[in-house]
C-alpha atoms as a PDB file:
ATOM      1  CA  UNK A   1     -26.547 -43.816   6.941  1.00  0.00           C
ATOM      2  CA  UNK A   2     -27.304 -42.314  10.363  1.00  0.00           C
ATOM      3  CA  UNK A   3     -24.235 -43.848  12.022  1.00  0.00           C
ATOM      4  CA  UNK A   4     -20.542 -43.022  11.786  1.00  0.00           C
ATOM      5  CA  UNK A   5     -19.007 -42.674   8.295  1.00  0.00           C
ATOM      6  CA  UNK A   6     -17.698 -45.977   7.030  1.00  0.00           C
ATOM      7  CA  UNK A   7     -14.076 -44.875   6.944  1.00  0.00           C
ATOM      8  CA  UNK A   8     -12.967 -48.501   6.937  1.00  0.00           C
ATOM      9  CA  UNK A   9     -14.364 -49.012   3.444  1.00  0.00           C
ATOM     10  CA  UNK A  10     -11.168 -47.720   1.784  1.00  0.00           C
ATOM     11  CA  UNK A  11      -8.646 -44.909   2.138  1.00  0.00           C
ATOM     12  CA  UNK A  12      -9.826 -41.348   1.615  1.00  0.00           C
ATOM     13  CA  UNK A  13      -8.263 -40.783  -1.809  1.00  0.00           C
ATOM     14  CA  UNK A  14      -9.616 -37.205  -1.947  1.00  0.00           C
ATOM     15  CA  UNK A  15      -6.854 -36.263   0.478  1.00  0.00           C
ATOM     16  CA  UNK A  16      -4.197 -37.153  -2.070  1.00  0.00           C
ATOM     17  CA  UNK A  17      -5.770 -36.480  -5.461  1.00  0.00           C
ATOM     18  CA  UNK A  18      -3.064 -35.530  -7.973  1.00  0.00           C
ATOM     19  CA  UNK A  19      -4.751 -32.346  -9.115  1.00  0.00           C
ATOM     20  CA  UNK A  20      -4.233 -28.586  -8.868  1.00  0.00           C
ATOM     21  CA  UNK A  21      -6.054 -26.613  -6.202  1.00  0.00           C
ATOM     22  CA  UNK A  22      -8.409 -24.903  -8.693  1.00  0.00           C
ATOM     23  CA  UNK A  23      -9.302 -28.279 -10.248  1.00  0.00           C
ATOM     24  CA  UNK A  24      -9.656 -29.898  -6.829  1.00  0.00           C
ATOM     25  CA  UNK A  25     -12.186 -27.233  -5.887  1.00  0.00           C
ATOM     26  CA  UNK A  26     -13.976 -27.565  -9.237  1.00  0.00           C
ATOM     27  CA  UNK A  27     -14.367 -31.325  -8.982  1.00  0.00           C
ATOM     28  CA  UNK A  28     -15.693 -31.022  -5.431  1.00  0.00           C
ATOM     29  CA  UNK A  29     -18.181 -28.378  -6.549  1.00  0.00           C
ATOM     30  CA  UNK A  30     -19.276 -30.684  -9.357  1.00  0.00           C
ATOM     31  CA  UNK A  31     -20.112 -33.398  -6.832  1.00  0.00           C
ATOM     32  CA  UNK A  32     -21.967 -31.067  -4.468  1.00  0.00           C
ATOM     33  CA  UNK A  33     -24.027 -29.683  -7.361  1.00  0.00           C
ATOM     34  CA  UNK A  34     -24.737 -33.080  -8.932  1.00  0.00           C
ATOM     35  CA  UNK A  35     -26.012 -34.544  -5.686  1.00  0.00           C
ATOM     36  CA  UNK A  36     -27.923 -31.393  -4.761  1.00  0.00           C
ATOM     37  CA  UNK A  37     -29.807 -31.427  -8.057  1.00  0.00           C
ATOM     38  CA  UNK A  38     -30.833 -35.062  -7.797  1.00  0.00           C
ATOM     39  CA  UNK A  39     -34.173 -34.933  -6.012  1.00  0.00           C
ATOM     40  CA  UNK A  40     -34.319 -38.733  -6.003  1.00  0.00           C
ATOM     41  CA  UNK A  41     -31.505 -38.966  -3.463  1.00  0.00           C
ATOM     42  CA  UNK A  42     -32.492 -39.141   0.218  1.00  0.00           C
ATOM     43  CA  UNK A  43     -32.296 -36.205   2.603  1.00  0.00           C
ATOM     44  CA  UNK A  44     -29.261 -37.674   4.381  1.00  0.00           C
ATOM     45  CA  UNK A  45     -27.225 -37.412   1.168  1.00  0.00           C
ATOM     46  CA  UNK A  46     -28.508 -33.907   0.513  1.00  0.00           C
ATOM     47  CA  UNK A  47     -27.295 -32.962   3.978  1.00  0.00           C
ATOM     48  CA  UNK A  48     -23.839 -34.283   3.160  1.00  0.00           C
ATOM     49  CA  UNK A  49     -23.865 -32.407  -0.147  1.00  0.00           C
ATOM     50  CA  UNK A  50     -24.699 -29.220   1.754  1.00  0.00           C
ATOM     51  CA  UNK A  51     -21.807 -29.920   4.139  1.00  0.00           C
ATOM     52  CA  UNK A  52     -19.500 -30.297   1.157  1.00  0.00           C
ATOM     53  CA  UNK A  53     -20.703 -26.983  -0.263  1.00  0.00           C
ATOM     54  CA  UNK A  54     -20.011 -25.359   3.097  1.00  0.00           C
ATOM     55  CA  UNK A  55     -16.476 -26.771   3.118  1.00  0.00           C
ATOM     56  CA  UNK A  56     -15.845 -25.528  -0.414  1.00  0.00           C
ATOM     57  CA  UNK A  57     -16.850 -21.959   0.483  1.00  0.00           C
ATOM     58  CA  UNK A  58     -13.670 -20.929   2.352  1.00  0.00           C
ATOM     59  CA  UNK A  59     -11.384 -23.021   0.138  1.00  0.00           C
ATOM     60  CA  UNK A  60      -8.755 -20.703  -1.369  1.00  0.00           C
ATOM     61  CA  UNK A  61      -7.654 -22.106  -4.703  1.00  0.00           C
ATOM     62  CA  UNK A  62      -5.086 -19.310  -5.085  1.00  0.00           C
ATOM     63  CA  UNK A  63      -2.873 -20.537  -2.273  1.00  0.00           C
ATOM     64  CA  UNK A  64       0.448 -21.861  -3.510  1.00  0.00           C
ATOM     65  CA  UNK A  65       2.940 -24.294  -2.080  1.00  0.00           C
ATOM     66  CA  UNK A  66       6.315 -23.175  -0.791  1.00  0.00           C
ATOM     67  CA  UNK A  67       7.944 -24.447  -3.968  1.00  0.00           C
ATOM     68  CA  UNK A  68       5.879 -22.013  -6.044  1.00  0.00           C
ATOM     69  CA  UNK A  69       6.706 -18.869  -4.065  1.00  0.00           C
ATOM     70  CA  UNK A  70       9.896 -16.902  -3.672  1.00  0.00           C
ATOM     71  CA  UNK A  71      11.304 -14.185  -1.462  1.00  0.00           C
ATOM     72  CA  UNK A  72      11.616 -10.720  -3.025  1.00  0.00           C
ATOM     73  CA  UNK A  73      15.422 -10.756  -2.957  1.00  0.00           C
ATOM     74  CA  UNK A  74      17.888 -13.299  -1.702  1.00  0.00           C
ATOM     75  CA  UNK A  75      20.857 -12.409   0.465  1.00  0.00           C
ATOM     76  CA  UNK A  76      23.106 -13.674  -2.327  1.00  0.00           C
ATOM     77  CA  UNK A  77      21.751 -11.094  -4.776  1.00  0.00           C
ATOM     78  CA  UNK A  78      22.183  -8.267  -2.279  1.00  0.00           C
ATOM     79  CA  UNK A  79      25.643  -9.571  -1.400  1.00  0.00           C
ATOM     80  CA  UNK A  80      26.742  -9.321  -5.023  1.00  0.00           C
ATOM     81  CA  UNK A  81      25.590  -5.688  -5.122  1.00  0.00           C
ATOM     82  CA  UNK A  82      27.338  -5.000  -1.804  1.00  0.00           C
ATOM     83  CA  UNK A  83      30.568  -6.453  -3.165  1.00  0.00           C
ATOM     84  CA  UNK A  84      30.396  -4.177  -6.189  1.00  0.00           C
ATOM     85  CA  UNK A  85      29.758  -1.099  -4.025  1.00  0.00           C
ATOM     86  CA  UNK A  86      32.580  -1.969  -1.637  1.00  0.00           C
ATOM     87  CA  UNK A  87      35.061  -2.526  -4.469  1.00  0.00           C
ATOM     88  CA  UNK A  88      34.073   0.766  -6.071  1.00  0.00           C
ATOM     89  CA  UNK A  89      34.347   2.789  -2.869  1.00  0.00           C
ATOM     90  CA  UNK A  90      37.641   1.205  -1.875  1.00  0.00           C
ATOM     91  CA  UNK A  91      39.158   1.874  -5.290  1.00  0.00           C
ATOM     92  CA  UNK A  92      37.844   5.402  -5.769  1.00  0.00           C
ATOM     93  CA  UNK A  93      37.776   6.720  -2.217  1.00  0.00           C
ATOM     94  CA  UNK A  94      39.545   4.747   0.497  1.00  0.00           C
ATOM     95  CA  UNK A  95      42.633   3.717  -1.482  1.00  0.00           C
ATOM     96  CA  UNK A  96      42.965   7.305  -2.728  1.00  0.00           C
ATOM     97  CA  UNK A  97      43.023   8.714   0.808  1.00  0.00           C
ATOM     98  CA  UNK A  98      44.922   5.946   2.615  1.00  0.00           C
ATOM     99  CA  UNK A  99      47.761   3.596   1.815  1.00  0.00           C
ATOM    100  CA  UNK A 100      46.827  -0.116   2.014  1.00  0.00           C
ATOM    101  CA  UNK A 101      47.576  -1.611   5.441  1.00  0.00           C
ATOM    102  CA  UNK A 102      47.853   1.822   6.998  1.00  0.00           C
ATOM    103  CA  UNK A 103      45.898   2.532  10.224  1.00  0.00           C
ATOM    104  CA  UNK A 104      43.396   4.629   8.282  1.00  0.00           C
ATOM    105  CA  UNK A 105      42.849   1.929   5.647  1.00  0.00           C
ATOM    106  CA  UNK A 106      42.549  -0.768   8.314  1.00  0.00           C
ATOM    107  CA  UNK A 107      39.560   0.980   9.889  1.00  0.00           C
ATOM    108  CA  UNK A 108      37.621  -0.106   6.825  1.00  0.00           C
ATOM    109  CA  UNK A 109      39.310  -3.371   5.895  1.00  0.00           C
ATOM    110  CA  UNK A 110      41.516  -4.616   8.735  1.00  0.00           C
ATOM    111  CA  UNK A 111      42.031  -7.958   7.007  1.00  0.00           C
ATOM    112  CA  UNK A 112      41.706  -6.678   3.484  1.00  0.00           C
ATOM    113  CA  UNK A 113      38.862  -7.545   1.131  1.00  0.00           C
ATOM    114  CA  UNK A 114      39.846 -11.203   1.294  1.00  0.00           C
ATOM    115  CA  UNK A 115      37.953 -11.770   4.553  1.00  0.00           C
ATOM    116  CA  UNK A 116      34.702 -11.092   2.696  1.00  0.00           C
ATOM    117  CA  UNK A 117      35.298 -13.775   0.084  1.00  0.00           C
ATOM    118  CA  UNK A 118      34.604 -16.917   2.117  1.00  0.00           C
ATOM    119  CA  UNK A 119      32.422 -15.350   4.790  1.00  0.00           C
ATOM    120  CA  UNK A 120      29.112 -17.035   5.521  1.00  0.00           C
ATOM    121  CA  UNK A 121      25.943 -14.964   5.556  1.00  0.00           C
ATOM    122  CA  UNK A 122      26.124 -13.923   9.204  1.00  0.00           C
ATOM    123  CA  UNK A 123      29.816 -13.060   9.011  1.00  0.00           C
ATOM    124  CA  UNK A 124      29.394 -11.125   5.780  1.00  0.00           C
ATOM    125  CA  UNK A 125      26.625  -9.039   7.287  1.00  0.00           C
ATOM    126  CA  UNK A 126      28.781  -8.286  10.341  1.00  0.00           C
ATOM    127  CA  UNK A 127      31.736  -7.322   8.147  1.00  0.00           C
ATOM    128  CA  UNK A 128      29.678  -5.017   5.960  1.00  0.00           C
ATOM    129  CA  UNK A 129      28.055  -3.496   9.037  1.00  0.00           C
ATOM    130  CA  UNK A 130      31.551  -2.642  10.315  1.00  0.00           C
ATOM    131  CA  UNK A 131      32.469  -1.205   6.914  1.00  0.00           C
ATOM    132  CA  UNK A 132      29.340   0.976   6.672  1.00  0.00           C
ATOM    133  CA  UNK A 133      29.911   2.255  10.204  1.00  0.00           C
ATOM    134  CA  UNK A 134      33.490   3.247   9.326  1.00  0.00           C
ATOM    135  CA  UNK A 135      32.404   5.025   6.140  1.00  0.00           C
ATOM    136  CA  UNK A 136      29.804   6.994   8.093  1.00  0.00           C
ATOM    137  CA  UNK A 137      32.345   7.922  10.776  1.00  0.00           C
ATOM    138  CA  UNK A 138      34.955   9.160   8.302  1.00  0.00           C
ATOM    139  CA  UNK A 139      36.067  12.795   8.759  1.00  0.00           C
ATOM    140  CA  UNK A 140      36.125  14.631   6.492  1.00  0.00           C
ATOM    141  CA  UNK A 141      33.313  12.692   4.897  1.00  0.00           C
ATOM    142  CA  UNK A 142      33.974  10.889   1.666  1.00  0.00           C
ATOM    143  CA  UNK A 143      32.477  12.485  -1.439  1.00  0.00           C
ATOM    144  CA  UNK A 144      32.133  11.312  -5.000  1.00  0.00           C
ATOM    145  CA  UNK A 145      33.780  13.411  -7.696  1.00  0.00           C
ATOM    146  CA  UNK A 146      31.514  16.248  -8.913  1.00  0.00           C
ATOM    147  CA  UNK A 147      31.548  14.700 -12.365  1.00  0.00           C
ATOM    148  CA  UNK A 148      29.560  11.741 -10.991  1.00  0.00           C
ATOM    149  CA  UNK A 149      26.559  14.011 -10.453  1.00  0.00           C
ATOM    150  CA  UNK A 150      25.570  11.610  -7.667  1.00  0.00           C
ATOM    151  CA  UNK A 151      22.452  12.409  -5.675  1.00  0.00           C
ATOM    152  CA  UNK A 152      23.760  10.393  -2.720  1.00  0.00           C
ATOM    153  CA  UNK A 153      26.937  10.355  -0.655  1.00  0.00           C
ATOM    154  CA  UNK A 154      29.225   7.351  -0.145  1.00  0.00           C
ATOM    155  CA  UNK A 155      28.036   7.129   3.468  1.00  0.00           C
ATOM    156  CA  UNK A 156      24.399   7.091   2.350  1.00  0.00           C
ATOM    157  CA  UNK A 157      25.129   4.391  -0.220  1.00  0.00           C
ATOM    158  CA  UNK A 158      26.913   2.218   2.338  1.00  0.00           C
ATOM    159  CA  UNK A 159      24.031   2.620   4.788  1.00  0.00           C
ATOM    160  CA  UNK A 160      21.437   1.852   2.125  1.00  0.00           C
ATOM    161  CA  UNK A 161      23.323  -1.288   1.131  1.00  0.00           C
ATOM    162  CA  UNK A 162      23.564  -2.395   4.761  1.00  0.00           C
ATOM    163  CA  UNK A 163      19.799  -1.933   5.095  1.00  0.00           C
ATOM    164  CA  UNK A 164      19.291  -3.896   1.894  1.00  0.00           C
ATOM    165  CA  UNK A 165      21.318  -6.794   3.283  1.00  0.00           C
ATOM    166  CA  UNK A 166      19.392  -6.600   6.540  1.00  0.00           C
ATOM    167  CA  UNK A 167      16.061  -6.579   4.692  1.00  0.00           C
ATOM    168  CA  UNK A 168      16.859  -9.809   2.878  1.00  0.00           C
ATOM    169  CA  UNK A 169      17.655 -11.511   6.181  1.00  0.00           C
ATOM    170  CA  UNK A 170      14.381 -10.301   7.660  1.00  0.00           C
ATOM    171  CA  UNK A 171      12.534 -11.253   4.468  1.00  0.00           C
ATOM    172  CA  UNK A 172      13.803 -14.824   4.714  1.00  0.00           C
ATOM    173  CA  UNK A 173      12.439 -15.176   8.249  1.00  0.00           C
ATOM    174  CA  UNK A 174       9.116 -13.605   7.252  1.00  0.00           C
ATOM    175  CA  UNK A 175       8.954 -15.653   4.058  1.00  0.00           C
ATOM    176  CA  UNK A 176       9.558 -18.928   5.911  1.00  0.00           C
ATOM    177  CA  UNK A 177       6.913 -18.035   8.486  1.00  0.00           C
ATOM    178  CA  UNK A 178       4.417 -17.231   5.722  1.00  0.00           C
ATOM    179  CA  UNK A 179       5.234 -20.451   3.924  1.00  0.00           C
ATOM    180  CA  UNK A 180       4.643 -22.418   7.106  1.00  0.00           C
ATOM    181  CA  UNK A 181       1.278 -20.712   7.518  1.00  0.00           C
ATOM    182  CA  UNK A 182       0.460 -21.329   3.854  1.00  0.00           C
ATOM    183  CA  UNK A 183       1.315 -25.003   4.227  1.00  0.00           C
ATOM    184  CA  UNK A 184      -0.962 -25.171   7.259  1.00  0.00           C
ATOM    185  CA  UNK A 185      -3.766 -23.381   5.406  1.00  0.00           C
ATOM    186  CA  UNK A 186      -3.422 -25.672   2.421  1.00  0.00           C
ATOM    187  CA  UNK A 187      -3.594 -28.745   4.612  1.00  0.00           C
ATOM    188  CA  UNK A 188      -6.570 -27.454   6.595  1.00  0.00           C
ATOM    189  CA  UNK A 189      -8.859 -26.355   3.778  1.00  0.00           C
ATOM    190  CA  UNK A 190      -7.967 -29.254   1.473  1.00  0.00           C
ATOM    191  CA  UNK A 191      -8.635 -31.716   4.280  1.00  0.00           C
ATOM    192  CA  UNK A 192     -11.975 -30.104   5.113  1.00  0.00           C
ATOM    193  CA  UNK A 193     -13.191 -30.484   1.521  1.00  0.00           C
ATOM    194  CA  UNK A 194     -11.682 -33.963   1.137  1.00  0.00           C
ATOM    195  CA  UNK A 195     -13.347 -35.244   4.300  1.00  0.00           C
ATOM    196  CA  UNK A 196     -16.723 -33.755   3.359  1.00  0.00           C
ATOM    197  CA  UNK A 197     -16.495 -35.234  -0.140  1.00  0.00           C
ATOM    198  CA  UNK A 198     -15.375 -38.562   1.278  1.00  0.00           C
ATOM    199  CA  UNK A 199     -18.418 -38.687   3.550  1.00  0.00           C
ATOM    200  CA  UNK A 200     -20.589 -38.070   0.500  1.00  0.00           C
ATOM    201  CA  UNK A 201     -18.754 -40.786  -1.464  1.00  0.00           C
ATOM    202  CA  UNK A 202     -19.390 -43.248   1.358  1.00  0.00           C
ATOM    203  CA  UNK A 203     -23.011 -42.203   1.603  1.00  0.00           C
ATOM    204  CA  UNK A 204     -23.497 -42.797  -2.117  1.00  0.00           C
ATOM    205  CA  UNK A 205     -21.725 -46.162  -1.858  1.00  0.00           C
ATOM    206  CA  UNK A 206     -24.089 -47.101   0.937  1.00  0.00           C
ATOM    207  CA  UNK A 207     -27.136 -45.847  -0.969  1.00  0.00           C
ATOM    208  CA  UNK A 208     -26.305 -47.798  -4.143  1.00  0.00           C
ATOM    209  CA  UNK A 209     -24.856 -50.847  -2.369  1.00  0.00           C
ATOM    210  CA  UNK A 210     -27.424 -53.289  -3.744  1.00  0.00           C
ATOM    211  CA  UNK A 211     -27.420 -51.869  -7.282  1.00  0.00           C
ATOM    212  CA  UNK A 212     -25.544 -54.157  -9.732  1.00  0.00           C
ATOM    213  CA  UNK A 213     -24.137 -51.043 -11.417  1.00  0.00           C
ATOM    214  CA  UNK A 214     -23.191 -49.350  -8.144  1.00  0.00           C
ATOM    215  CA  UNK A 215     -19.767 -48.241  -9.440  1.00  0.00           C
ATOM    216  CA  UNK A 216     -21.251 -46.417 -12.420  1.00  0.00           C
ATOM    217  CA  UNK A 217     -24.027 -44.970 -10.290  1.00  0.00           C
ATOM    218  CA  UNK A 218     -21.489 -43.543  -7.839  1.00  0.00           C
ATOM    219  CA  UNK A 219     -19.184 -42.126 -10.500  1.00  0.00           C
ATOM    220  CA  UNK A 220     -22.092 -40.258 -12.065  1.00  0.00           C
ATOM    221  CA  UNK A 221     -21.749 -37.747  -9.228  1.00  0.00           C
ATOM    222  CA  UNK A 222     -18.010 -37.161  -9.604  1.00  0.00           C
ATOM    223  CA  UNK A 223     -15.781 -35.563 -12.203  1.00  0.00           C
ATOM    224  CA  UNK A 224     -12.211 -36.881 -12.151  1.00  0.00           C
ATOM    225  CA  UNK A 225     -11.365 -35.663 -15.658  1.00  0.00           C
ATOM    226  CA  UNK A 226      -8.853 -33.112 -14.383  1.00  0.00           C
ATOM    227  CA  UNK A 227      -6.673 -35.551 -12.474  1.00  0.00           C
ATOM    228  CA  UNK A 228      -3.023 -35.487 -13.507  1.00  0.00           C
ATOM    229  CA  UNK A 229      -3.241 -39.220 -14.129  1.00  0.00           C
ATOM    230  CA  UNK A 230      -6.389 -38.683 -16.229  1.00  0.00           C
ATOM    231  CA  UNK A 231      -8.316 -41.389 -14.537  1.00  0.00           C
ATOM    232  CA  UNK A 232     -10.771 -41.959 -11.742  1.00  0.00           C
ATOM    233  CA  UNK A 233      -9.610 -43.673  -8.569  1.00  0.00           C
ATOM    234  CA  UNK A 234     -10.451 -47.305  -8.393  1.00  0.00           C
ATOM    235  CA  UNK A 235     -13.116 -48.589  -6.068  1.00  0.00           C
ATOM    236  CA  UNK A 236     -11.271 -50.921  -3.755  1.00  0.00           C
ATOM    237  CA  UNK A 237     -13.249 -53.909  -2.629  1.00  0.00           C
ATOM    238  CA  UNK A 238     -17.007 -54.093  -2.471  1.00  0.00           C
ATOM    239  CA  UNK A 239     -19.233 -51.299  -1.189  1.00  0.00           C
ATOM    240  CA  UNK A 240     -20.617 -51.528   2.326  1.00  0.00           C
ATOM    241  CA  UNK A 241     -24.084 -52.994   2.626  1.00  0.00           C
ATOM    242  CA  UNK A 242     -26.563 -51.493   5.037  1.00  0.00           C
ATOM    243  CA  UNK A 243     -28.174 -54.242   7.080  1.00  0.00           C
END
């Protein structure tokens, strides 16, 4: 047991256990505790159990995969709100002050509202940015009817909506970066525990190699009850035998 781990015995199935992160951590802790409490096991195995415990320490079972997380707001959701605001302001403010296709009207919608319909995300943002800039530059400034009792001006609403669209674009970049880091973290801490547990599995296989009931003896130190497949991994081949 003093040499290199016998990684050729079989594949490290701990790397790919079909189990949630909390249950993966729990089953690893079970093994570390079971081996640590067995005073009959040699010091070399106790050392590997301690290494497993050390690997479990920083394991964050609350990390989630990218498929389980979501950005706060998608561009599509903000776009729908922007469309509603634009339609409202055009109908109640711009079309009241300017005739369609007039020079004044065209400062806001030079191609009409139709150019927004099939615009991709980048184009839509550019179009709305142009619109918000025109609303803010309007003199005299647009104002909602007093009966609206609005606490904001049309220019403020257009600017806020532009910022909302911009925030979703920034959020996507930040979200993707965080997901990449999360994926890296998940891989790193899962692998650390899986490798430590695998070394302990191999050490136990080596220790019980000459025992006729070596499979049962090994499984006594593991709890695979939480696997999605509800079954322990099979022992492939025969255990290594220490010369």
